[in-house]
Amino acid sequence: MIYSKLGIDNKMHLFITAEGTDVPAPDDIQLTYKNNAGEEVEVDEYKFFYDELDNVQQVKASKQTFVTANDIKVNVYAGDELIIGAVDYVDVSFSGTLVANTTLEVNDTTITSEVTSVEVAQGADAVVTVTPDSGYSFSGTPKIVIGGSSKNFTVSGGVATYTIEEVSEDISFDIDVTVIE
């Protein structure tokens, strides 16, 4: 059961009771609202909420009292459980040849010859890291190539990192990395 009650901040909030019960209790979970990137959203800054039906119930939020192009999708969570909405994912895929004596990861998922892409929540960051194997180091500055454009990785502690910010669509990348013993 979902119900409203006064929160510790003296504002009304929605809570959900424990599964299988319709009786409010002190340990009920306050609902939270997140955008597609998983960042918490303060819903009191929005004036208008409406449903947008695709395959699942979806809530959109507007800062106006009418639908605008700047409205955001709001997902509703009870703790870590998504109860209303759906997270849209995009593929971040590696299109090159793996570099020997390195480990390539996207958001902590290792890229291999079998696993060449990672699903990332639309609007979230994709963090690409390249780590040389023990005894190896980078020769020159590692680069990432996205859509024909080459950008430098940031190297710190022997690990190369590049953040693709707020991924909004499927993206493919390659790397230009050389390691030496």
N, C-alpha and C. Protein backbone atom coordinates (compact mmCIF):
# COMPACT_ATOMS: atom_id res chain seq x y z
N MET A 1 0.84 -1.17 0.00
CA MET A 1 0.00 0.00 0.00
C MET A 1 0.90 1.24 0.00
N ILE A 2 0.54 2.21 -0.81
CA ILE A 2 1.24 3.50 -0.84
C ILE A 2 0.34 4.52 -0.16
N TYR A 3 0.91 5.31 0.72
CA TYR A 3 0.15 6.31 1.46
C TYR A 3 1.03 7.53 1.70
N SER A 4 0.42 8.63 2.10
CA SER A 4 1.20 9.83 2.39
C SER A 4 1.18 10.10 3.88
N LYS A 5 2.30 10.63 4.36
CA LYS A 5 2.39 11.05 5.75
C LYS A 5 3.45 12.13 5.86
N LEU A 6 3.44 12.81 6.97
CA LEU A 6 4.39 13.88 7.24
C LEU A 6 5.77 13.27 7.47
N GLY A 7 6.76 13.75 6.70
CA GLY A 7 8.12 13.25 6.84
C GLY A 7 8.86 14.01 7.93
N ILE A 8 10.12 13.63 8.15
CA ILE A 8 10.91 14.28 9.20
C ILE A 8 11.22 15.74 8.86
N ASP A 9 11.03 16.13 7.58
CA ASP A 9 11.25 17.51 7.16
C ASP A 9 9.97 18.35 7.23
N ASN A 10 8.93 17.81 7.87
CA ASN A 10 7.63 18.47 8.00
C ASN A 10 6.94 18.72 6.67
N LYS A 11 7.23 17.89 5.67
CA LYS A 11 6.55 17.93 4.38
C LYS A 11 5.86 16.59 4.17
N MET A 12 4.80 16.60 3.38
CA MET A 12 4.11 15.35 3.07
C MET A 12 4.94 14.55 2.05
N HIS A 13 5.07 13.26 2.29
CA HIS A 13 5.81 12.36 1.40
C HIS A 13 5.01 11.08 1.22
N LEU A 14 5.30 10.37 0.13
CA LEU A 14 4.68 9.07 -0.10
C LEU A 14 5.56 7.98 0.49
N PHE A 15 4.91 6.99 1.12
CA PHE A 15 5.58 5.85 1.72
C PHE A 15 4.92 4.58 1.21
N ILE A 16 5.64 3.47 1.28
CA ILE A 16 5.09 2.17 0.92
C ILE A 16 5.23 1.24 2.12
N THR A 17 4.15 0.48 2.39
CA THR A 17 4.18 -0.45 3.51
C THR A 17 4.95 -1.71 3.12
N ALA A 18 5.27 -2.50 4.11
CA ALA A 18 5.94 -3.78 3.86
C ALA A 18 5.05 -4.66 2.99
N GLU A 19 5.68 -5.51 2.18
CA GLU A 19 4.93 -6.38 1.26
C GLU A 19 3.92 -7.23 2.02
N GLY A 20 2.71 -7.26 1.50
CA GLY A 20 1.67 -8.10 2.09
C GLY A 20 0.94 -7.46 3.24
N THR A 21 1.18 -6.18 3.50
CA THR A 21 0.48 -5.52 4.61
C THR A 21 -0.11 -4.20 4.13
N ASP A 22 -1.24 -3.86 4.72
CA ASP A 22 -1.87 -2.57 4.45
C ASP A 22 -1.87 -1.70 5.69
N VAL A 23 -1.00 -2.00 6.63
CA VAL A 23 -0.96 -1.28 7.89
C VAL A 23 0.32 -0.44 7.94
N PRO A 24 0.19 0.90 7.99
CA PRO A 24 1.39 1.74 8.10
C PRO A 24 2.18 1.40 9.36
N ALA A 25 3.50 1.44 9.22
CA ALA A 25 4.39 1.15 10.34
C ALA A 25 5.59 2.08 10.29
N PRO A 26 6.28 2.25 11.42
CA PRO A 26 7.42 3.18 11.45
C PRO A 26 8.54 2.84 10.48
N ASP A 27 8.69 1.56 10.10
CA ASP A 27 9.79 1.20 9.21
C ASP A 27 9.38 1.16 7.73
N ASP A 28 8.24 1.76 7.38
CA ASP A 28 7.84 1.85 5.98
C ASP A 28 8.85 2.69 5.21
N ILE A 29 8.95 2.44 3.93
CA ILE A 29 9.98 3.08 3.10
C ILE A 29 9.41 4.30 2.39
N GLN A 30 10.11 5.44 2.53
CA GLN A 30 9.73 6.65 1.80
C GLN A 30 10.11 6.48 0.35
N LEU A 31 9.20 6.84 -0.55
CA LEU A 31 9.48 6.75 -1.98
C LEU A 31 10.45 7.86 -2.39
N THR A 32 11.32 7.52 -3.33
CA THR A 32 12.25 8.50 -3.87
C THR A 32 12.05 8.57 -5.37
N TYR A 33 12.52 9.63 -5.96
CA TYR A 33 12.31 9.90 -7.38
C TYR A 33 13.67 10.14 -8.02
N LYS A 34 13.90 9.46 -9.16
CA LYS A 34 15.19 9.58 -9.83
C LYS A 34 14.98 9.78 -11.31
N ASN A 35 15.92 10.51 -11.93
CA ASN A 35 15.89 10.63 -13.39
C ASN A 35 16.48 9.35 -13.99
N ASN A 36 16.56 9.28 -15.29
CA ASN A 36 17.02 8.05 -15.95
C ASN A 36 18.48 7.74 -15.64
N ALA A 37 19.26 8.75 -15.28
CA ALA A 37 20.67 8.52 -14.95
C ALA A 37 20.84 8.02 -13.52
N GLY A 38 19.73 7.88 -12.78
CA GLY A 38 19.80 7.37 -11.42
C GLY A 38 20.06 8.43 -10.38
N GLU A 39 20.01 9.70 -10.80
CA GLU A 39 20.23 10.80 -9.85
C GLU A 39 18.90 11.19 -9.21
N GLU A 40 18.93 11.39 -7.89
CA GLU A 40 17.71 11.73 -7.19
C GLU A 40 17.18 13.09 -7.64
N VAL A 41 15.87 13.18 -7.78
CA VAL A 41 15.20 14.39 -8.24
C VAL A 41 14.31 14.90 -7.12
N GLU A 42 14.39 16.19 -6.84
CA GLU A 42 13.48 16.80 -5.87
C GLU A 42 12.19 17.16 -6.60
N VAL A 43 11.13 16.43 -6.34
CA VAL A 43 9.91 16.61 -7.12
C VAL A 43 9.16 17.89 -6.78
N ASP A 44 9.44 18.51 -5.64
CA ASP A 44 8.69 19.73 -5.31
C ASP A 44 9.08 20.91 -6.20
N GLU A 45 10.11 20.78 -7.04
CA GLU A 45 10.44 21.85 -7.98
C GLU A 45 9.60 21.75 -9.26
N TYR A 46 8.83 20.67 -9.40
CA TYR A 46 7.99 20.47 -10.58
C TYR A 46 6.54 20.80 -10.26
N LYS A 47 5.82 21.32 -11.27
CA LYS A 47 4.44 21.76 -11.08
C LYS A 47 3.42 20.82 -11.69
N PHE A 48 3.85 19.97 -12.64
CA PHE A 48 2.91 19.17 -13.40
C PHE A 48 3.48 17.78 -13.64
N PHE A 49 2.68 16.77 -13.33
CA PHE A 49 3.08 15.38 -13.57
C PHE A 49 2.04 14.74 -14.47
N TYR A 50 2.49 13.92 -15.39
CA TYR A 50 1.56 13.26 -16.30
C TYR A 50 2.11 11.91 -16.73
N ASP A 51 1.22 11.05 -17.17
CA ASP A 51 1.60 9.72 -17.65
C ASP A 51 1.97 9.79 -19.11
N GLU A 52 2.99 9.02 -19.46
CA GLU A 52 3.34 8.83 -20.85
C GLU A 52 3.44 7.33 -21.05
N LEU A 53 2.46 6.76 -21.71
CA LEU A 53 2.39 5.30 -21.82
C LEU A 53 3.16 4.80 -23.03
N ASP A 54 4.13 3.94 -22.77
CA ASP A 54 4.80 3.19 -23.82
C ASP A 54 4.44 1.74 -23.52
N ASN A 55 5.39 0.97 -23.06
CA ASN A 55 5.11 -0.40 -22.65
C ASN A 55 4.90 -0.50 -21.15
N VAL A 56 5.30 0.54 -20.43
CA VAL A 56 5.13 0.56 -18.98
C VAL A 56 4.60 1.91 -18.58
N GLN A 57 4.09 1.99 -17.37
CA GLN A 57 3.63 3.29 -16.89
C GLN A 57 4.83 4.18 -16.68
N GLN A 58 4.74 5.39 -17.17
CA GLN A 58 5.85 6.33 -17.08
C GLN A 58 5.33 7.66 -16.56
N VAL A 59 6.10 8.29 -15.71
CA VAL A 59 5.74 9.59 -15.17
C VAL A 59 6.70 10.62 -15.75
N LYS A 60 6.16 11.71 -16.25
CA LYS A 60 6.97 12.83 -16.72
C LYS A 60 6.67 14.01 -15.81
N ALA A 61 7.66 14.89 -15.63
CA ALA A 61 7.51 16.04 -14.75
C ALA A 61 7.90 17.32 -15.48
N SER A 62 7.07 18.35 -15.30
CA SER A 62 7.30 19.63 -15.94
C SER A 62 7.44 20.72 -14.88
N LYS A 63 8.29 21.69 -15.15
CA LYS A 63 8.40 22.84 -14.26
C LYS A 63 7.30 23.86 -14.57
N GLN A 64 6.57 23.62 -15.65
CA GLN A 64 5.43 24.45 -16.03
C GLN A 64 4.14 23.72 -15.68
N THR A 65 3.02 24.35 -15.88
CA THR A 65 1.74 23.69 -15.63
C THR A 65 1.19 23.04 -16.89
N PHE A 66 2.09 22.79 -17.85
CA PHE A 66 1.72 22.15 -19.11
C PHE A 66 2.94 21.38 -19.63
N VAL A 67 2.73 20.54 -20.61
CA VAL A 67 3.80 19.73 -21.18
C VAL A 67 4.78 20.63 -21.94
N THR A 68 6.08 20.40 -21.72
CA THR A 68 7.11 21.15 -22.46
C THR A 68 8.17 20.17 -22.97
N ALA A 69 9.02 20.64 -23.84
CA ALA A 69 10.11 19.82 -24.38
C ALA A 69 11.18 19.56 -23.32
N ASN A 70 11.22 20.34 -22.25
CA ASN A 70 12.23 20.19 -21.21
C ASN A 70 11.80 19.28 -20.07
N ASP A 71 10.63 18.66 -20.18
CA ASP A 71 10.15 17.77 -19.13
C ASP A 71 11.10 16.60 -18.97
N ILE A 72 11.17 16.08 -17.76
CA ILE A 72 12.04 14.93 -17.52
C ILE A 72 11.22 13.71 -17.14
N LYS A 73 11.81 12.56 -17.40
CA LYS A 73 11.19 11.31 -16.98
C LYS A 73 11.56 11.10 -15.51
N VAL A 74 10.58 10.70 -14.72
CA VAL A 74 10.81 10.47 -13.30
C VAL A 74 10.48 9.01 -13.00
N ASN A 75 11.43 8.30 -12.42
CA ASN A 75 11.21 6.94 -11.98
C ASN A 75 11.00 6.95 -10.47
N VAL A 76 10.10 6.11 -9.99
CA VAL A 76 9.76 6.08 -8.57
C VAL A 76 10.33 4.82 -7.95
N TYR A 77 11.07 4.99 -6.85
CA TYR A 77 11.74 3.88 -6.18
C TYR A 77 11.27 3.75 -4.74
N ALA A 78 11.20 2.51 -4.28
CA ALA A 78 11.03 2.18 -2.86
C ALA A 78 12.35 1.54 -2.46
N GLY A 79 13.21 2.32 -1.83
CA GLY A 79 14.57 1.83 -1.57
C GLY A 79 15.30 1.71 -2.90
N ASP A 80 15.82 0.53 -3.21
CA ASP A 80 16.50 0.29 -4.48
C ASP A 80 15.59 -0.31 -5.54
N GLU A 81 14.32 -0.58 -5.17
CA GLU A 81 13.40 -1.23 -6.10
C GLU A 81 12.62 -0.21 -6.93
N LEU A 82 12.72 -0.34 -8.24
CA LEU A 82 11.97 0.51 -9.16
C LEU A 82 10.51 0.05 -9.15
N ILE A 83 9.58 0.95 -8.76
CA ILE A 83 8.17 0.53 -8.69
C ILE A 83 7.31 1.19 -9.75
N ILE A 84 7.70 2.35 -10.26
CA ILE A 84 6.98 2.99 -11.37
C ILE A 84 8.03 3.55 -12.32
N GLY A 85 7.89 3.20 -13.60
CA GLY A 85 8.80 3.71 -14.61
C GLY A 85 9.67 2.62 -15.18
N ALA A 86 10.60 3.03 -15.97
CA ALA A 86 11.56 2.11 -16.57
C ALA A 86 12.80 2.89 -16.94
N VAL A 87 13.94 2.27 -16.76
CA VAL A 87 15.19 2.90 -17.12
C VAL A 87 15.51 2.51 -18.56
N ASP A 88 15.77 3.50 -19.39
CA ASP A 88 16.16 3.25 -20.78
C ASP A 88 17.68 3.10 -20.83
N TYR A 89 18.12 2.12 -21.58
CA TYR A 89 19.55 1.86 -21.69
C TYR A 89 20.03 2.11 -23.11
N VAL A 90 21.29 2.48 -23.21
CA VAL A 90 21.97 2.61 -24.51
C VAL A 90 23.20 1.73 -24.46
N ASP A 91 23.67 1.32 -25.64
CA ASP A 91 24.87 0.49 -25.72
C ASP A 91 26.10 1.35 -25.91
N VAL A 92 27.11 1.11 -25.09
CA VAL A 92 28.43 1.70 -25.27
C VAL A 92 29.31 0.54 -25.70
N SER A 93 29.74 0.57 -26.96
CA SER A 93 30.44 -0.60 -27.49
C SER A 93 31.85 -0.26 -27.97
N PHE A 94 32.72 -1.24 -27.78
CA PHE A 94 34.11 -1.15 -28.21
C PHE A 94 34.19 -1.72 -29.62
N SER A 95 34.74 -0.93 -30.54
CA SER A 95 34.75 -1.34 -31.95
C SER A 95 36.13 -1.72 -32.47
N GLY A 96 37.13 -1.70 -31.59
CA GLY A 96 38.49 -1.94 -32.07
C GLY A 96 39.02 -3.32 -31.74
N THR A 97 40.31 -3.43 -31.75
CA THR A 97 41.01 -4.66 -31.39
C THR A 97 41.57 -4.48 -29.99
N LEU A 98 41.37 -5.47 -29.14
CA LEU A 98 41.88 -5.38 -27.77
C LEU A 98 43.40 -5.23 -27.78
N VAL A 99 43.91 -4.44 -26.85
CA VAL A 99 45.35 -4.19 -26.75
C VAL A 99 45.94 -5.20 -25.79
N ALA A 100 46.95 -5.94 -26.26
CA ALA A 100 47.61 -6.94 -25.42
C ALA A 100 48.19 -6.30 -24.17
N ASN A 101 48.17 -7.03 -23.08
CA ASN A 101 48.76 -6.62 -21.80
C ASN A 101 48.04 -5.44 -21.16
N THR A 102 46.75 -5.31 -21.44
CA THR A 102 45.92 -4.29 -20.80
C THR A 102 44.56 -4.89 -20.46
N THR A 103 43.86 -4.21 -19.56
CA THR A 103 42.47 -4.53 -19.26
C THR A 103 41.64 -3.30 -19.61
N LEU A 104 40.61 -3.49 -20.43
CA LEU A 104 39.73 -2.41 -20.84
C LEU A 104 38.38 -2.61 -20.15
N GLU A 105 37.86 -1.55 -19.52
CA GLU A 105 36.58 -1.64 -18.81
C GLU A 105 35.70 -0.44 -19.16
N VAL A 106 34.39 -0.68 -19.15
CA VAL A 106 33.40 0.39 -19.23
C VAL A 106 32.50 0.22 -18.01
N ASN A 107 32.48 1.24 -17.16
CA ASN A 107 31.69 1.20 -15.92
C ASN A 107 31.93 -0.10 -15.15
N ASP A 108 33.20 -0.45 -14.98
CA ASP A 108 33.64 -1.62 -14.21
C ASP A 108 33.28 -2.96 -14.83
N THR A 109 32.84 -2.99 -16.09
CA THR A 109 32.61 -4.24 -16.81
C THR A 109 33.77 -4.43 -17.78
N THR A 110 34.46 -5.56 -17.67
CA THR A 110 35.62 -5.83 -18.51
C THR A 110 35.17 -6.13 -19.94
N ILE A 111 35.80 -5.46 -20.89
CA ILE A 111 35.56 -5.69 -22.31
C ILE A 111 36.46 -6.85 -22.75
N THR A 112 35.86 -7.84 -23.40
CA THR A 112 36.61 -8.99 -23.91
C THR A 112 36.20 -9.20 -25.36
N SER A 113 36.75 -10.23 -25.98
CA SER A 113 36.35 -10.52 -27.36
C SER A 113 34.90 -10.99 -27.41
N GLU A 114 34.38 -11.51 -26.29
CA GLU A 114 32.97 -11.93 -26.23
C GLU A 114 32.05 -10.82 -25.71
N VAL A 115 32.55 -9.98 -24.84
CA VAL A 115 31.76 -8.89 -24.24
C VAL A 115 32.32 -7.58 -24.78
N THR A 116 31.72 -7.06 -25.85
CA THR A 116 32.25 -5.85 -26.48
C THR A 116 31.41 -4.62 -26.19
N SER A 117 30.25 -4.80 -25.52
CA SER A 117 29.43 -3.62 -25.22
C SER A 117 28.86 -3.72 -23.82
N VAL A 118 28.51 -2.56 -23.29
CA VAL A 118 27.94 -2.45 -21.95
C VAL A 118 26.69 -1.58 -22.06
N GLU A 119 25.61 -2.00 -21.38
CA GLU A 119 24.42 -1.16 -21.32
C GLU A 119 24.62 -0.11 -20.24
N VAL A 120 24.36 1.14 -20.59
CA VAL A 120 24.48 2.26 -19.67
C VAL A 120 23.13 2.97 -19.65
N ALA A 121 22.67 3.33 -18.47
CA ALA A 121 21.41 4.06 -18.37
C ALA A 121 21.50 5.34 -19.18
N GLN A 122 20.49 5.58 -20.01
CA GLN A 122 20.48 6.79 -20.84
C GLN A 122 20.57 8.01 -19.94
N GLY A 123 21.52 8.88 -20.23
CA GLY A 123 21.73 10.08 -19.43
C GLY A 123 22.82 9.93 -18.38
N ALA A 124 23.27 8.70 -18.15
CA ALA A 124 24.35 8.46 -17.19
C ALA A 124 25.70 8.57 -17.88
N ASP A 125 26.75 8.62 -17.09
CA ASP A 125 28.11 8.66 -17.63
C ASP A 125 28.61 7.26 -17.92
N ALA A 126 29.45 7.12 -18.95
CA ALA A 126 30.15 5.87 -19.24
C ALA A 126 31.63 6.13 -18.96
N VAL A 127 32.19 5.44 -17.98
CA VAL A 127 33.59 5.63 -17.61
C VAL A 127 34.41 4.51 -18.23
N VAL A 128 35.31 4.89 -19.13
CA VAL A 128 36.16 3.93 -19.84
C VAL A 128 37.54 3.98 -19.17
N THR A 129 38.04 2.79 -18.76
CA THR A 129 39.37 2.73 -18.15
C THR A 129 40.21 1.70 -18.88
N VAL A 130 41.50 2.00 -18.96
CA VAL A 130 42.48 1.07 -19.50
C VAL A 130 43.57 0.93 -18.43
N THR A 131 43.83 -0.32 -18.04
CA THR A 131 44.83 -0.59 -17.01
C THR A 131 45.88 -1.53 -17.58
N PRO A 132 47.14 -1.10 -17.60
CA PRO A 132 48.20 -2.00 -18.06
C PRO A 132 48.38 -3.17 -17.08
N ASP A 133 48.71 -4.35 -17.62
CA ASP A 133 49.01 -5.49 -16.78
C ASP A 133 50.24 -5.17 -15.93
N SER A 134 50.43 -5.95 -14.87
CA SER A 134 51.57 -5.78 -13.98
C SER A 134 52.87 -5.84 -14.78
N GLY A 135 53.75 -4.88 -14.55
CA GLY A 135 55.03 -4.83 -15.25
C GLY A 135 55.00 -4.03 -16.53
N TYR A 136 53.82 -3.54 -16.93
CA TYR A 136 53.69 -2.74 -18.15
C TYR A 136 53.27 -1.32 -17.80
N SER A 137 53.59 -0.39 -18.70
CA SER A 137 53.17 1.01 -18.53
C SER A 137 52.85 1.58 -19.91
N PHE A 138 52.21 2.72 -19.90
CA PHE A 138 51.83 3.35 -21.16
C PHE A 138 53.05 3.97 -21.85
N SER A 139 53.08 3.84 -23.15
CA SER A 139 54.08 4.52 -23.97
C SER A 139 53.33 5.62 -24.70
N GLY A 140 53.51 6.83 -24.28
CA GLY A 140 52.76 7.94 -24.86
C GLY A 140 51.42 8.11 -24.15
N THR A 141 50.64 9.03 -24.67
CA THR A 141 49.34 9.34 -24.06
C THR A 141 48.25 8.49 -24.70
N PRO A 142 47.55 7.67 -23.90
CA PRO A 142 46.44 6.88 -24.44
C PRO A 142 45.32 7.80 -24.96
N LYS A 143 44.68 7.37 -26.03
CA LYS A 143 43.61 8.17 -26.64
C LYS A 143 42.37 7.29 -26.83
N ILE A 144 41.22 7.94 -26.77
CA ILE A 144 39.95 7.29 -27.08
C ILE A 144 39.43 7.95 -28.36
N VAL A 145 38.86 7.15 -29.24
CA VAL A 145 38.36 7.66 -30.52
C VAL A 145 36.84 7.41 -30.56
N ILE A 146 36.09 8.50 -30.64
CA ILE A 146 34.63 8.43 -30.69
C ILE A 146 34.17 9.21 -31.90
N GLY A 147 33.48 8.53 -32.81
CA GLY A 147 32.98 9.20 -34.02
C GLY A 147 34.06 9.89 -34.82
N GLY A 148 35.24 9.29 -34.89
CA GLY A 148 36.34 9.87 -35.66
C GLY A 148 37.12 10.94 -34.91
N SER A 149 36.65 11.34 -33.74
CA SER A 149 37.33 12.36 -32.95
C SER A 149 38.16 11.70 -31.86
N SER A 150 39.42 12.08 -31.78
CA SER A 150 40.36 11.50 -30.81
C SER A 150 40.53 12.43 -29.62
N LYS A 151 40.41 11.85 -28.43
CA LYS A 151 40.58 12.63 -27.20
C LYS A 151 41.52 11.88 -26.27
N ASN A 152 42.26 12.62 -25.45
CA ASN A 152 43.21 12.01 -24.53
C ASN A 152 42.51 11.45 -23.30
N PHE A 153 42.97 10.26 -22.86
CA PHE A 153 42.60 9.74 -21.56
C PHE A 153 43.32 10.57 -20.50
N THR A 154 42.82 10.56 -19.28
CA THR A 154 43.53 11.12 -18.14
C THR A 154 44.23 9.94 -17.46
N VAL A 155 45.53 10.07 -17.23
CA VAL A 155 46.28 8.99 -16.61
C VAL A 155 46.63 9.38 -15.18
N SER A 156 46.25 8.51 -14.25
CA SER A 156 46.54 8.74 -12.84
C SER A 156 46.80 7.39 -12.19
N GLY A 157 47.91 7.29 -11.47
CA GLY A 157 48.24 6.03 -10.81
C GLY A 157 48.43 4.89 -11.79
N GLY A 158 48.84 5.19 -13.01
CA GLY A 158 49.07 4.17 -14.01
C GLY A 158 47.81 3.68 -14.72
N VAL A 159 46.64 4.26 -14.41
CA VAL A 159 45.37 3.87 -15.04
C VAL A 159 44.87 5.03 -15.89
N ALA A 160 44.47 4.71 -17.13
CA ALA A 160 43.93 5.72 -18.04
C ALA A 160 42.41 5.72 -17.92
N THR A 161 41.83 6.93 -17.77
CA THR A 161 40.38 7.06 -17.59
C THR A 161 39.84 8.15 -18.51
N TYR A 162 38.68 7.84 -19.12
CA TYR A 162 37.97 8.85 -19.91
C TYR A 162 36.48 8.69 -19.61
N THR A 163 35.80 9.80 -19.32
CA THR A 163 34.38 9.77 -19.03
C THR A 163 33.60 10.33 -20.20
N ILE A 164 32.73 9.49 -20.76
CA ILE A 164 31.79 9.93 -21.79
C ILE A 164 30.57 10.40 -21.02
N GLU A 165 30.35 11.71 -20.97
CA GLU A 165 29.32 12.27 -20.10
C GLU A 165 27.92 12.16 -20.71
N GLU A 166 26.97 11.82 -19.83
CA GLU A 166 25.54 11.82 -20.15
C GLU A 166 25.24 11.19 -21.51
N VAL A 167 25.55 9.91 -21.63
CA VAL A 167 25.34 9.18 -22.88
C VAL A 167 23.84 9.19 -23.21
N SER A 168 23.50 9.69 -24.39
CA SER A 168 22.08 9.80 -24.75
C SER A 168 21.65 8.83 -25.84
N GLU A 169 22.62 8.23 -26.52
CA GLU A 169 22.31 7.29 -27.60
C GLU A 169 23.43 6.27 -27.68
N ASP A 170 23.18 5.18 -28.43
CA ASP A 170 24.22 4.17 -28.61
C ASP A 170 25.49 4.83 -29.12
N ILE A 171 26.61 4.39 -28.59
CA ILE A 171 27.88 5.00 -28.97
C ILE A 171 28.92 3.89 -29.12
N SER A 172 29.82 4.09 -30.06
CA SER A 172 30.89 3.13 -30.32
C SER A 172 32.21 3.87 -30.16
N PHE A 173 33.19 3.19 -29.58
CA PHE A 173 34.50 3.83 -29.40
C PHE A 173 35.62 2.85 -29.71
N ASP A 174 36.78 3.40 -29.97
CA ASP A 174 38.01 2.64 -30.17
C ASP A 174 39.06 3.29 -29.28
N ILE A 175 40.17 2.62 -29.09
CA ILE A 175 41.23 3.22 -28.28
C ILE A 175 42.55 3.15 -29.07
N ASP A 176 43.43 4.09 -28.76
CA ASP A 176 44.76 4.13 -29.34
C ASP A 176 45.73 4.11 -28.15
N VAL A 177 46.16 2.90 -27.79
CA VAL A 177 46.96 2.71 -26.58
C VAL A 177 48.15 1.80 -26.91
N THR A 178 49.31 2.18 -26.42
CA THR A 178 50.51 1.33 -26.53
C THR A 178 51.09 1.17 -25.13
N VAL A 179 51.44 -0.08 -24.79
CA VAL A 179 52.09 -0.32 -23.51
C VAL A 179 53.44 -0.98 -23.74
N ILE A 180 54.36 -0.72 -22.81
CA ILE A 180 55.71 -1.29 -22.89
C ILE A 180 56.06 -1.91 -21.54
N GLU A 181 57.03 -2.83 -21.56
CA GLU A 181 57.50 -3.44 -20.30
C GLU A 181 58.48 -2.53 -19.62
